[in-house]
Protein backbone atom coordinates (compact mmCIF):
# COMPACT_ATOMS: atom_id res chain seq x y z
CA MET A 1 -74.58 177.72 7.03
CA ILE A 2 -78.19 176.44 6.91
CA LYS A 3 -80.12 177.34 10.04
CA ARG A 4 -82.02 174.46 11.64
CA ARG A 5 -85.79 174.71 11.75
CA LYS A 6 -87.10 176.23 14.96
CA TYR A 7 -89.03 173.16 16.16
CA LEU A 8 -85.85 171.05 15.88
CA GLN A 9 -83.94 173.61 17.95
CA ILE A 10 -86.64 173.44 20.63
CA GLN A 11 -86.73 169.64 20.49
CA ASP A 12 -82.94 169.37 20.93
CA TYR A 13 -82.92 171.94 23.75
CA ILE A 14 -85.58 170.10 25.76
CA LYS A 15 -84.09 166.67 25.01
CA LYS A 16 -80.67 167.69 26.30
CA ARG A 17 -82.19 169.07 29.49
CA ILE A 18 -84.02 165.77 30.02
CA GLN A 19 -80.91 163.71 29.32
CA THR A 20 -78.79 165.72 31.75
CA GLY A 21 -81.41 165.68 34.50
CA LYS A 22 -82.29 169.38 34.39
CA TYR A 23 -85.83 168.23 33.66
CA PRO A 24 -86.04 165.21 36.01
CA VAL A 25 -88.15 162.13 35.38
CA GLY A 26 -91.69 162.66 36.64
CA THR A 27 -91.64 166.46 36.44
CA TYR A 28 -93.54 168.60 33.97
CA LEU A 29 -91.98 170.70 31.23
CA PRO A 30 -92.60 174.45 31.14
CA SER A 31 -95.98 175.28 29.64
CA GLU A 32 -96.39 175.74 25.89
CA ASN A 33 -96.84 179.47 26.46
CA GLU A 34 -93.58 179.66 28.43
CA ILE A 35 -91.70 177.79 25.72
CA CYS A 36 -93.24 180.07 23.08
CA ALA A 37 -92.01 183.13 24.95
CA GLN A 38 -88.54 181.64 25.51
CA PHE A 39 -88.01 180.87 21.83
CA SER A 40 -90.11 183.72 20.37
CA THR A 41 -92.20 181.32 18.33
CA THR A 42 -95.74 180.04 17.86
CA ARG A 43 -97.62 177.32 19.73
CA THR A 44 -97.82 175.33 16.50
CA THR A 45 -94.01 175.16 16.39
CA VAL A 46 -93.77 174.27 20.08
CA ARG A 47 -96.37 171.53 19.71
CA LYS A 48 -94.46 170.04 16.78
CA ALA A 49 -91.32 169.88 18.93
CA LEU A 50 -93.26 168.26 21.77
CA ASP A 51 -94.84 165.76 19.37
CA GLU A 52 -91.35 164.67 18.28
CA LEU A 53 -90.29 164.20 21.91
CA LEU A 54 -93.47 162.20 22.47
CA LYS A 55 -92.60 159.90 19.55
CA GLU A 56 -89.10 159.38 20.93
CA GLY A 57 -90.46 158.40 24.34
CA PHE A 58 -89.05 161.31 26.32
CA ILE A 59 -92.40 162.73 27.45
CA GLU A 60 -96.09 161.95 27.74
CA LYS A 61 -98.91 164.46 27.50
CA GLU A 62 -101.44 164.63 30.31
CA HIS A 63 -104.69 166.47 29.61
CA GLY A 64 -104.95 169.60 31.70
CA LYS A 65 -101.47 169.19 33.18
CA GLY A 66 -98.96 169.43 30.33
CA SER A 67 -95.99 167.33 29.22
CA ARG A 68 -94.43 165.02 31.82
CA VAL A 69 -90.89 163.65 31.56
CA LEU A 70 -90.74 159.86 31.24
CA GLU A 71 -88.05 157.38 32.14
CA ARG A 72 -87.04 155.99 28.76
CA ARG A 73 -87.81 152.28 28.42
CA LYS A 74 -87.68 151.90 24.69
CA SER A 75 -88.76 148.55 23.35
CA LEU A 76 -86.06 146.86 21.28
CA GLY A 77 -87.66 143.73 19.87
CA LEU A 78 -87.63 140.98 22.48
CA LEU A 79 -85.72 143.08 24.97
CA THR A 80 -86.26 146.43 26.65
CA VAL A 81 -83.60 148.87 27.75
CA LYS A 82 -83.78 149.38 31.51
CA GLY A 83 -81.41 149.58 34.43
CA PHE A 84 -80.61 146.14 35.82
CA SER A 85 -82.17 146.88 39.21
CA GLU A 86 -85.44 147.82 37.50
CA VAL A 87 -86.06 144.43 35.91
CA THR A 88 -85.94 142.31 39.03
CA ASP A 89 -87.51 142.18 42.47
CA TYR A 90 -84.25 141.01 44.06
CA LYS A 91 -81.30 142.77 45.64
CA VAL A 92 -78.81 143.51 42.86
CA LYS A 93 -75.01 143.69 42.89
CA THR A 94 -72.61 144.16 39.98
CA VAL A 95 -68.99 142.99 40.06
CA VAL A 96 -66.64 144.32 37.38
CA LEU A 97 -64.30 141.54 36.29
CA GLN A 98 -62.56 143.67 33.65
CA GLU A 99 -62.52 147.46 33.71
CA PRO A 100 -63.10 149.12 30.32
CA LYS A 101 -59.81 148.83 28.44
CA ILE A 102 -58.50 149.18 24.90
CA ALA A 103 -58.33 145.76 23.26
CA ASP A 104 -58.64 143.86 20.00
CA TRP A 105 -62.03 142.75 18.77
CA ASP A 106 -63.01 139.25 19.90
CA ASP A 107 -64.21 136.37 17.72
CA LEU A 108 -66.87 135.81 20.40
CA ILE A 109 -68.93 138.68 18.92
CA SER A 110 -71.80 137.17 16.95
CA PHE A 111 -72.57 140.12 14.66
CA PRO A 112 -70.32 141.32 11.81
CA LEU A 113 -68.32 144.47 12.45
CA THR A 114 -68.42 147.48 10.15
CA SER A 115 -65.33 148.22 8.07
CA ALA A 116 -64.58 151.24 10.27
CA GLU A 117 -64.77 149.09 13.40
CA LYS A 118 -62.48 146.43 11.94
CA ASN A 119 -59.81 149.08 11.35
CA ALA A 120 -59.93 150.46 14.89
CA PRO A 121 -59.27 148.98 18.34
CA CYS A 122 -62.20 148.42 20.64
CA VAL A 123 -63.02 149.11 24.28
CA TYR A 124 -63.92 145.98 26.22
CA PHE A 125 -65.35 145.42 29.69
CA GLN A 126 -66.76 142.41 31.54
CA ARG A 127 -69.14 142.15 34.47
CA VAL A 128 -71.08 139.64 36.57
CA ARG A 129 -74.54 140.47 37.91
CA TYR A 130 -75.68 139.06 41.25
CA LEU A 131 -79.21 138.68 42.57
CA GLU A 132 -79.42 138.12 46.33
CA ASP A 133 -75.66 137.35 46.27
CA ARG A 134 -76.11 134.65 43.60
CA PRO A 135 -74.26 135.12 40.28
CA ILE A 136 -76.89 135.14 37.55
CA VAL A 137 -75.50 136.97 34.49
CA LEU A 138 -72.05 137.15 32.88
CA GLU A 139 -71.68 139.84 30.22
CA HIS A 140 -68.97 140.78 27.71
CA ASN A 141 -69.25 144.24 26.11
CA TRP A 142 -67.40 145.97 23.25
CA TYR A 143 -67.51 149.24 21.33
CA SER A 144 -65.15 151.06 18.97
CA GLN A 145 -62.54 153.25 20.62
CA ASN A 146 -62.84 155.69 17.70
CA ALA A 147 -66.52 156.22 18.51
CA LEU A 148 -66.23 156.68 22.28
CA GLU A 149 -63.43 156.99 24.78
CA PRO A 150 -62.91 154.28 27.43
CA LEU A 151 -65.16 154.95 30.42
CA ARG A 152 -64.43 154.02 34.01
CA SER A 153 -67.02 151.78 35.63
CA LYS A 154 -66.95 153.87 38.82
CA ASP A 155 -68.21 156.80 36.75
CA PHE A 156 -71.26 154.91 35.43
CA VAL A 157 -74.43 156.77 36.41
CA ASP A 158 -76.24 154.59 38.97
CA GLY A 159 -74.02 151.74 37.77
CA SER A 160 -75.66 151.85 34.33
CA PHE A 161 -73.70 152.14 31.08
CA PHE A 162 -76.83 153.18 29.17
CA LYS A 163 -77.66 155.96 31.65
CA THR A 164 -74.08 157.19 31.39
CA LEU A 165 -74.32 157.42 27.60
CA SER A 166 -77.59 159.35 27.83
CA GLN A 167 -76.80 161.72 30.68
CA ASP A 168 -73.10 162.41 30.15
CA TYR A 169 -72.78 162.02 26.36
CA LEU A 170 -76.35 162.65 25.11
CA ILE A 171 -76.23 159.32 23.25
CA GLU A 172 -79.44 157.29 23.04
CA ILE A 173 -80.05 153.63 22.13
CA MET A 174 -82.01 153.65 18.87
CA GLY A 175 -82.49 149.96 18.08
CA SER A 176 -80.99 146.50 18.33
CA GLU A 177 -80.49 143.10 16.75
CA GLN A 178 -80.67 140.05 18.98
CA GLU A 179 -79.98 136.34 18.90
CA LEU A 180 -80.93 133.93 21.70
CA ARG A 181 -79.84 130.33 22.05
CA ALA A 182 -79.47 127.68 24.73
CA GLU A 183 -76.07 126.07 24.98
CA PRO A 184 -73.85 124.22 27.49
CA ALA A 185 -71.79 126.46 29.77
CA ASN A 186 -68.07 126.51 29.03
CA LYS A 187 -65.46 126.62 31.80
CA GLU A 188 -65.36 130.43 32.03
CA VAL A 189 -69.14 130.79 32.18
CA ALA A 190 -69.48 127.94 34.65
CA LYS A 191 -66.80 129.38 36.94
CA ASN A 192 -68.27 132.88 37.00
CA LEU A 193 -71.89 131.77 37.42
CA GLY A 194 -71.27 129.00 39.94
CA MET A 195 -72.36 126.25 37.55
CA LYS A 196 -70.97 122.99 36.30
CA THR A 197 -69.32 122.90 32.90
CA GLY A 198 -71.92 121.67 30.44
CA ASP A 199 -74.93 122.89 32.42
CA PRO A 200 -77.49 124.68 30.21
CA VAL A 201 -77.16 128.45 29.94
CA LEU A 202 -79.05 131.07 27.94
CA HIS A 203 -76.68 132.91 25.56
CA ILE A 204 -77.96 136.29 24.32
CA SER A 205 -76.08 138.19 21.59
CA VAL A 206 -77.03 141.84 21.04
CA ARG A 207 -75.87 144.64 18.76
CA PHE A 208 -77.22 148.02 19.83
CA LYS A 209 -77.40 150.96 17.47
CA THR A 210 -77.10 154.42 18.96
CA SER A 211 -77.85 158.01 18.04
CA ARG A 212 -74.12 158.41 17.32
CA PRO A 213 -73.95 156.73 13.87
CA GLU A 214 -70.43 155.34 14.27
CA LEU A 215 -71.13 153.86 17.72
CA ASN A 216 -72.49 150.32 18.00
CA LEU A 217 -72.49 148.40 21.26
CA TYR A 218 -71.89 144.65 21.14
CA SER A 219 -72.81 142.38 24.06
CA GLU A 220 -72.52 138.64 24.62
CA ILE A 221 -74.54 137.72 27.70
CA TYR A 222 -74.82 134.41 29.54
CA CYS A 223 -77.77 133.91 31.90
CA LYS A 224 -78.29 131.22 34.52
CA THR A 225 -82.05 130.76 34.42
CA THR A 226 -82.51 127.66 36.58
CA MET A 227 -83.36 129.75 39.66
CA VAL A 228 -84.52 133.08 38.25
CA PRO A 229 -86.52 133.53 35.01
CA VAL A 230 -85.38 136.06 32.41
CA ARG A 231 -87.99 138.73 31.75
CA ASN A 232 -88.42 140.62 28.48
CA SER A 233 -85.94 143.30 29.51
CA TYR A 234 -82.30 144.05 28.82
CA PHE A 235 -79.88 145.60 31.26
CA LEU A 236 -76.51 147.26 30.71
């Protein structure tokens, strides 16, 4: 078996400790000298590992202080991955309309499925987001059952699906494709968002790619923007 290069071993070790909260956001990593001693390696190797973590957005380097753990807010085109409560100044509530369940893929999904996804059932869940007790966002979400087991919404870390993937499964969002369009609200959207059928709604379609190659996340999101503007951030 081919042994992985030392800097990659160090990078993975530190990354997993960040993802699982052993190195919390805002704290500093052990010094370069401490990491060198732990892994019996050189500072050049340690610095290469830290440079890779810097590129991935896990840390920032502060002169004279060391490497500080960042909250990951990776830019994904128009949208940015954050927790829902982080992208608004309002009181947030999430209501799960459909717990994650095994289902068939839906024609509502805007992006083409891979051949592997077409031949496997999916996991589907649906939620409504409230700001100050007003329904603002309706979201449909799907992923392949073969790529990830069904998760229970009550087990989501801080109510966030993305945080759950990172902390519990060490899966990161690596990129996305997005489509945005304005359209009239259908009966389902209107009912869940407290609108009239035909009122304008912002429809956002997203396909997220993850660090697990076979796992894509598909979301169809409907936003009522008449009272609250949509910022350049995504929430899941």
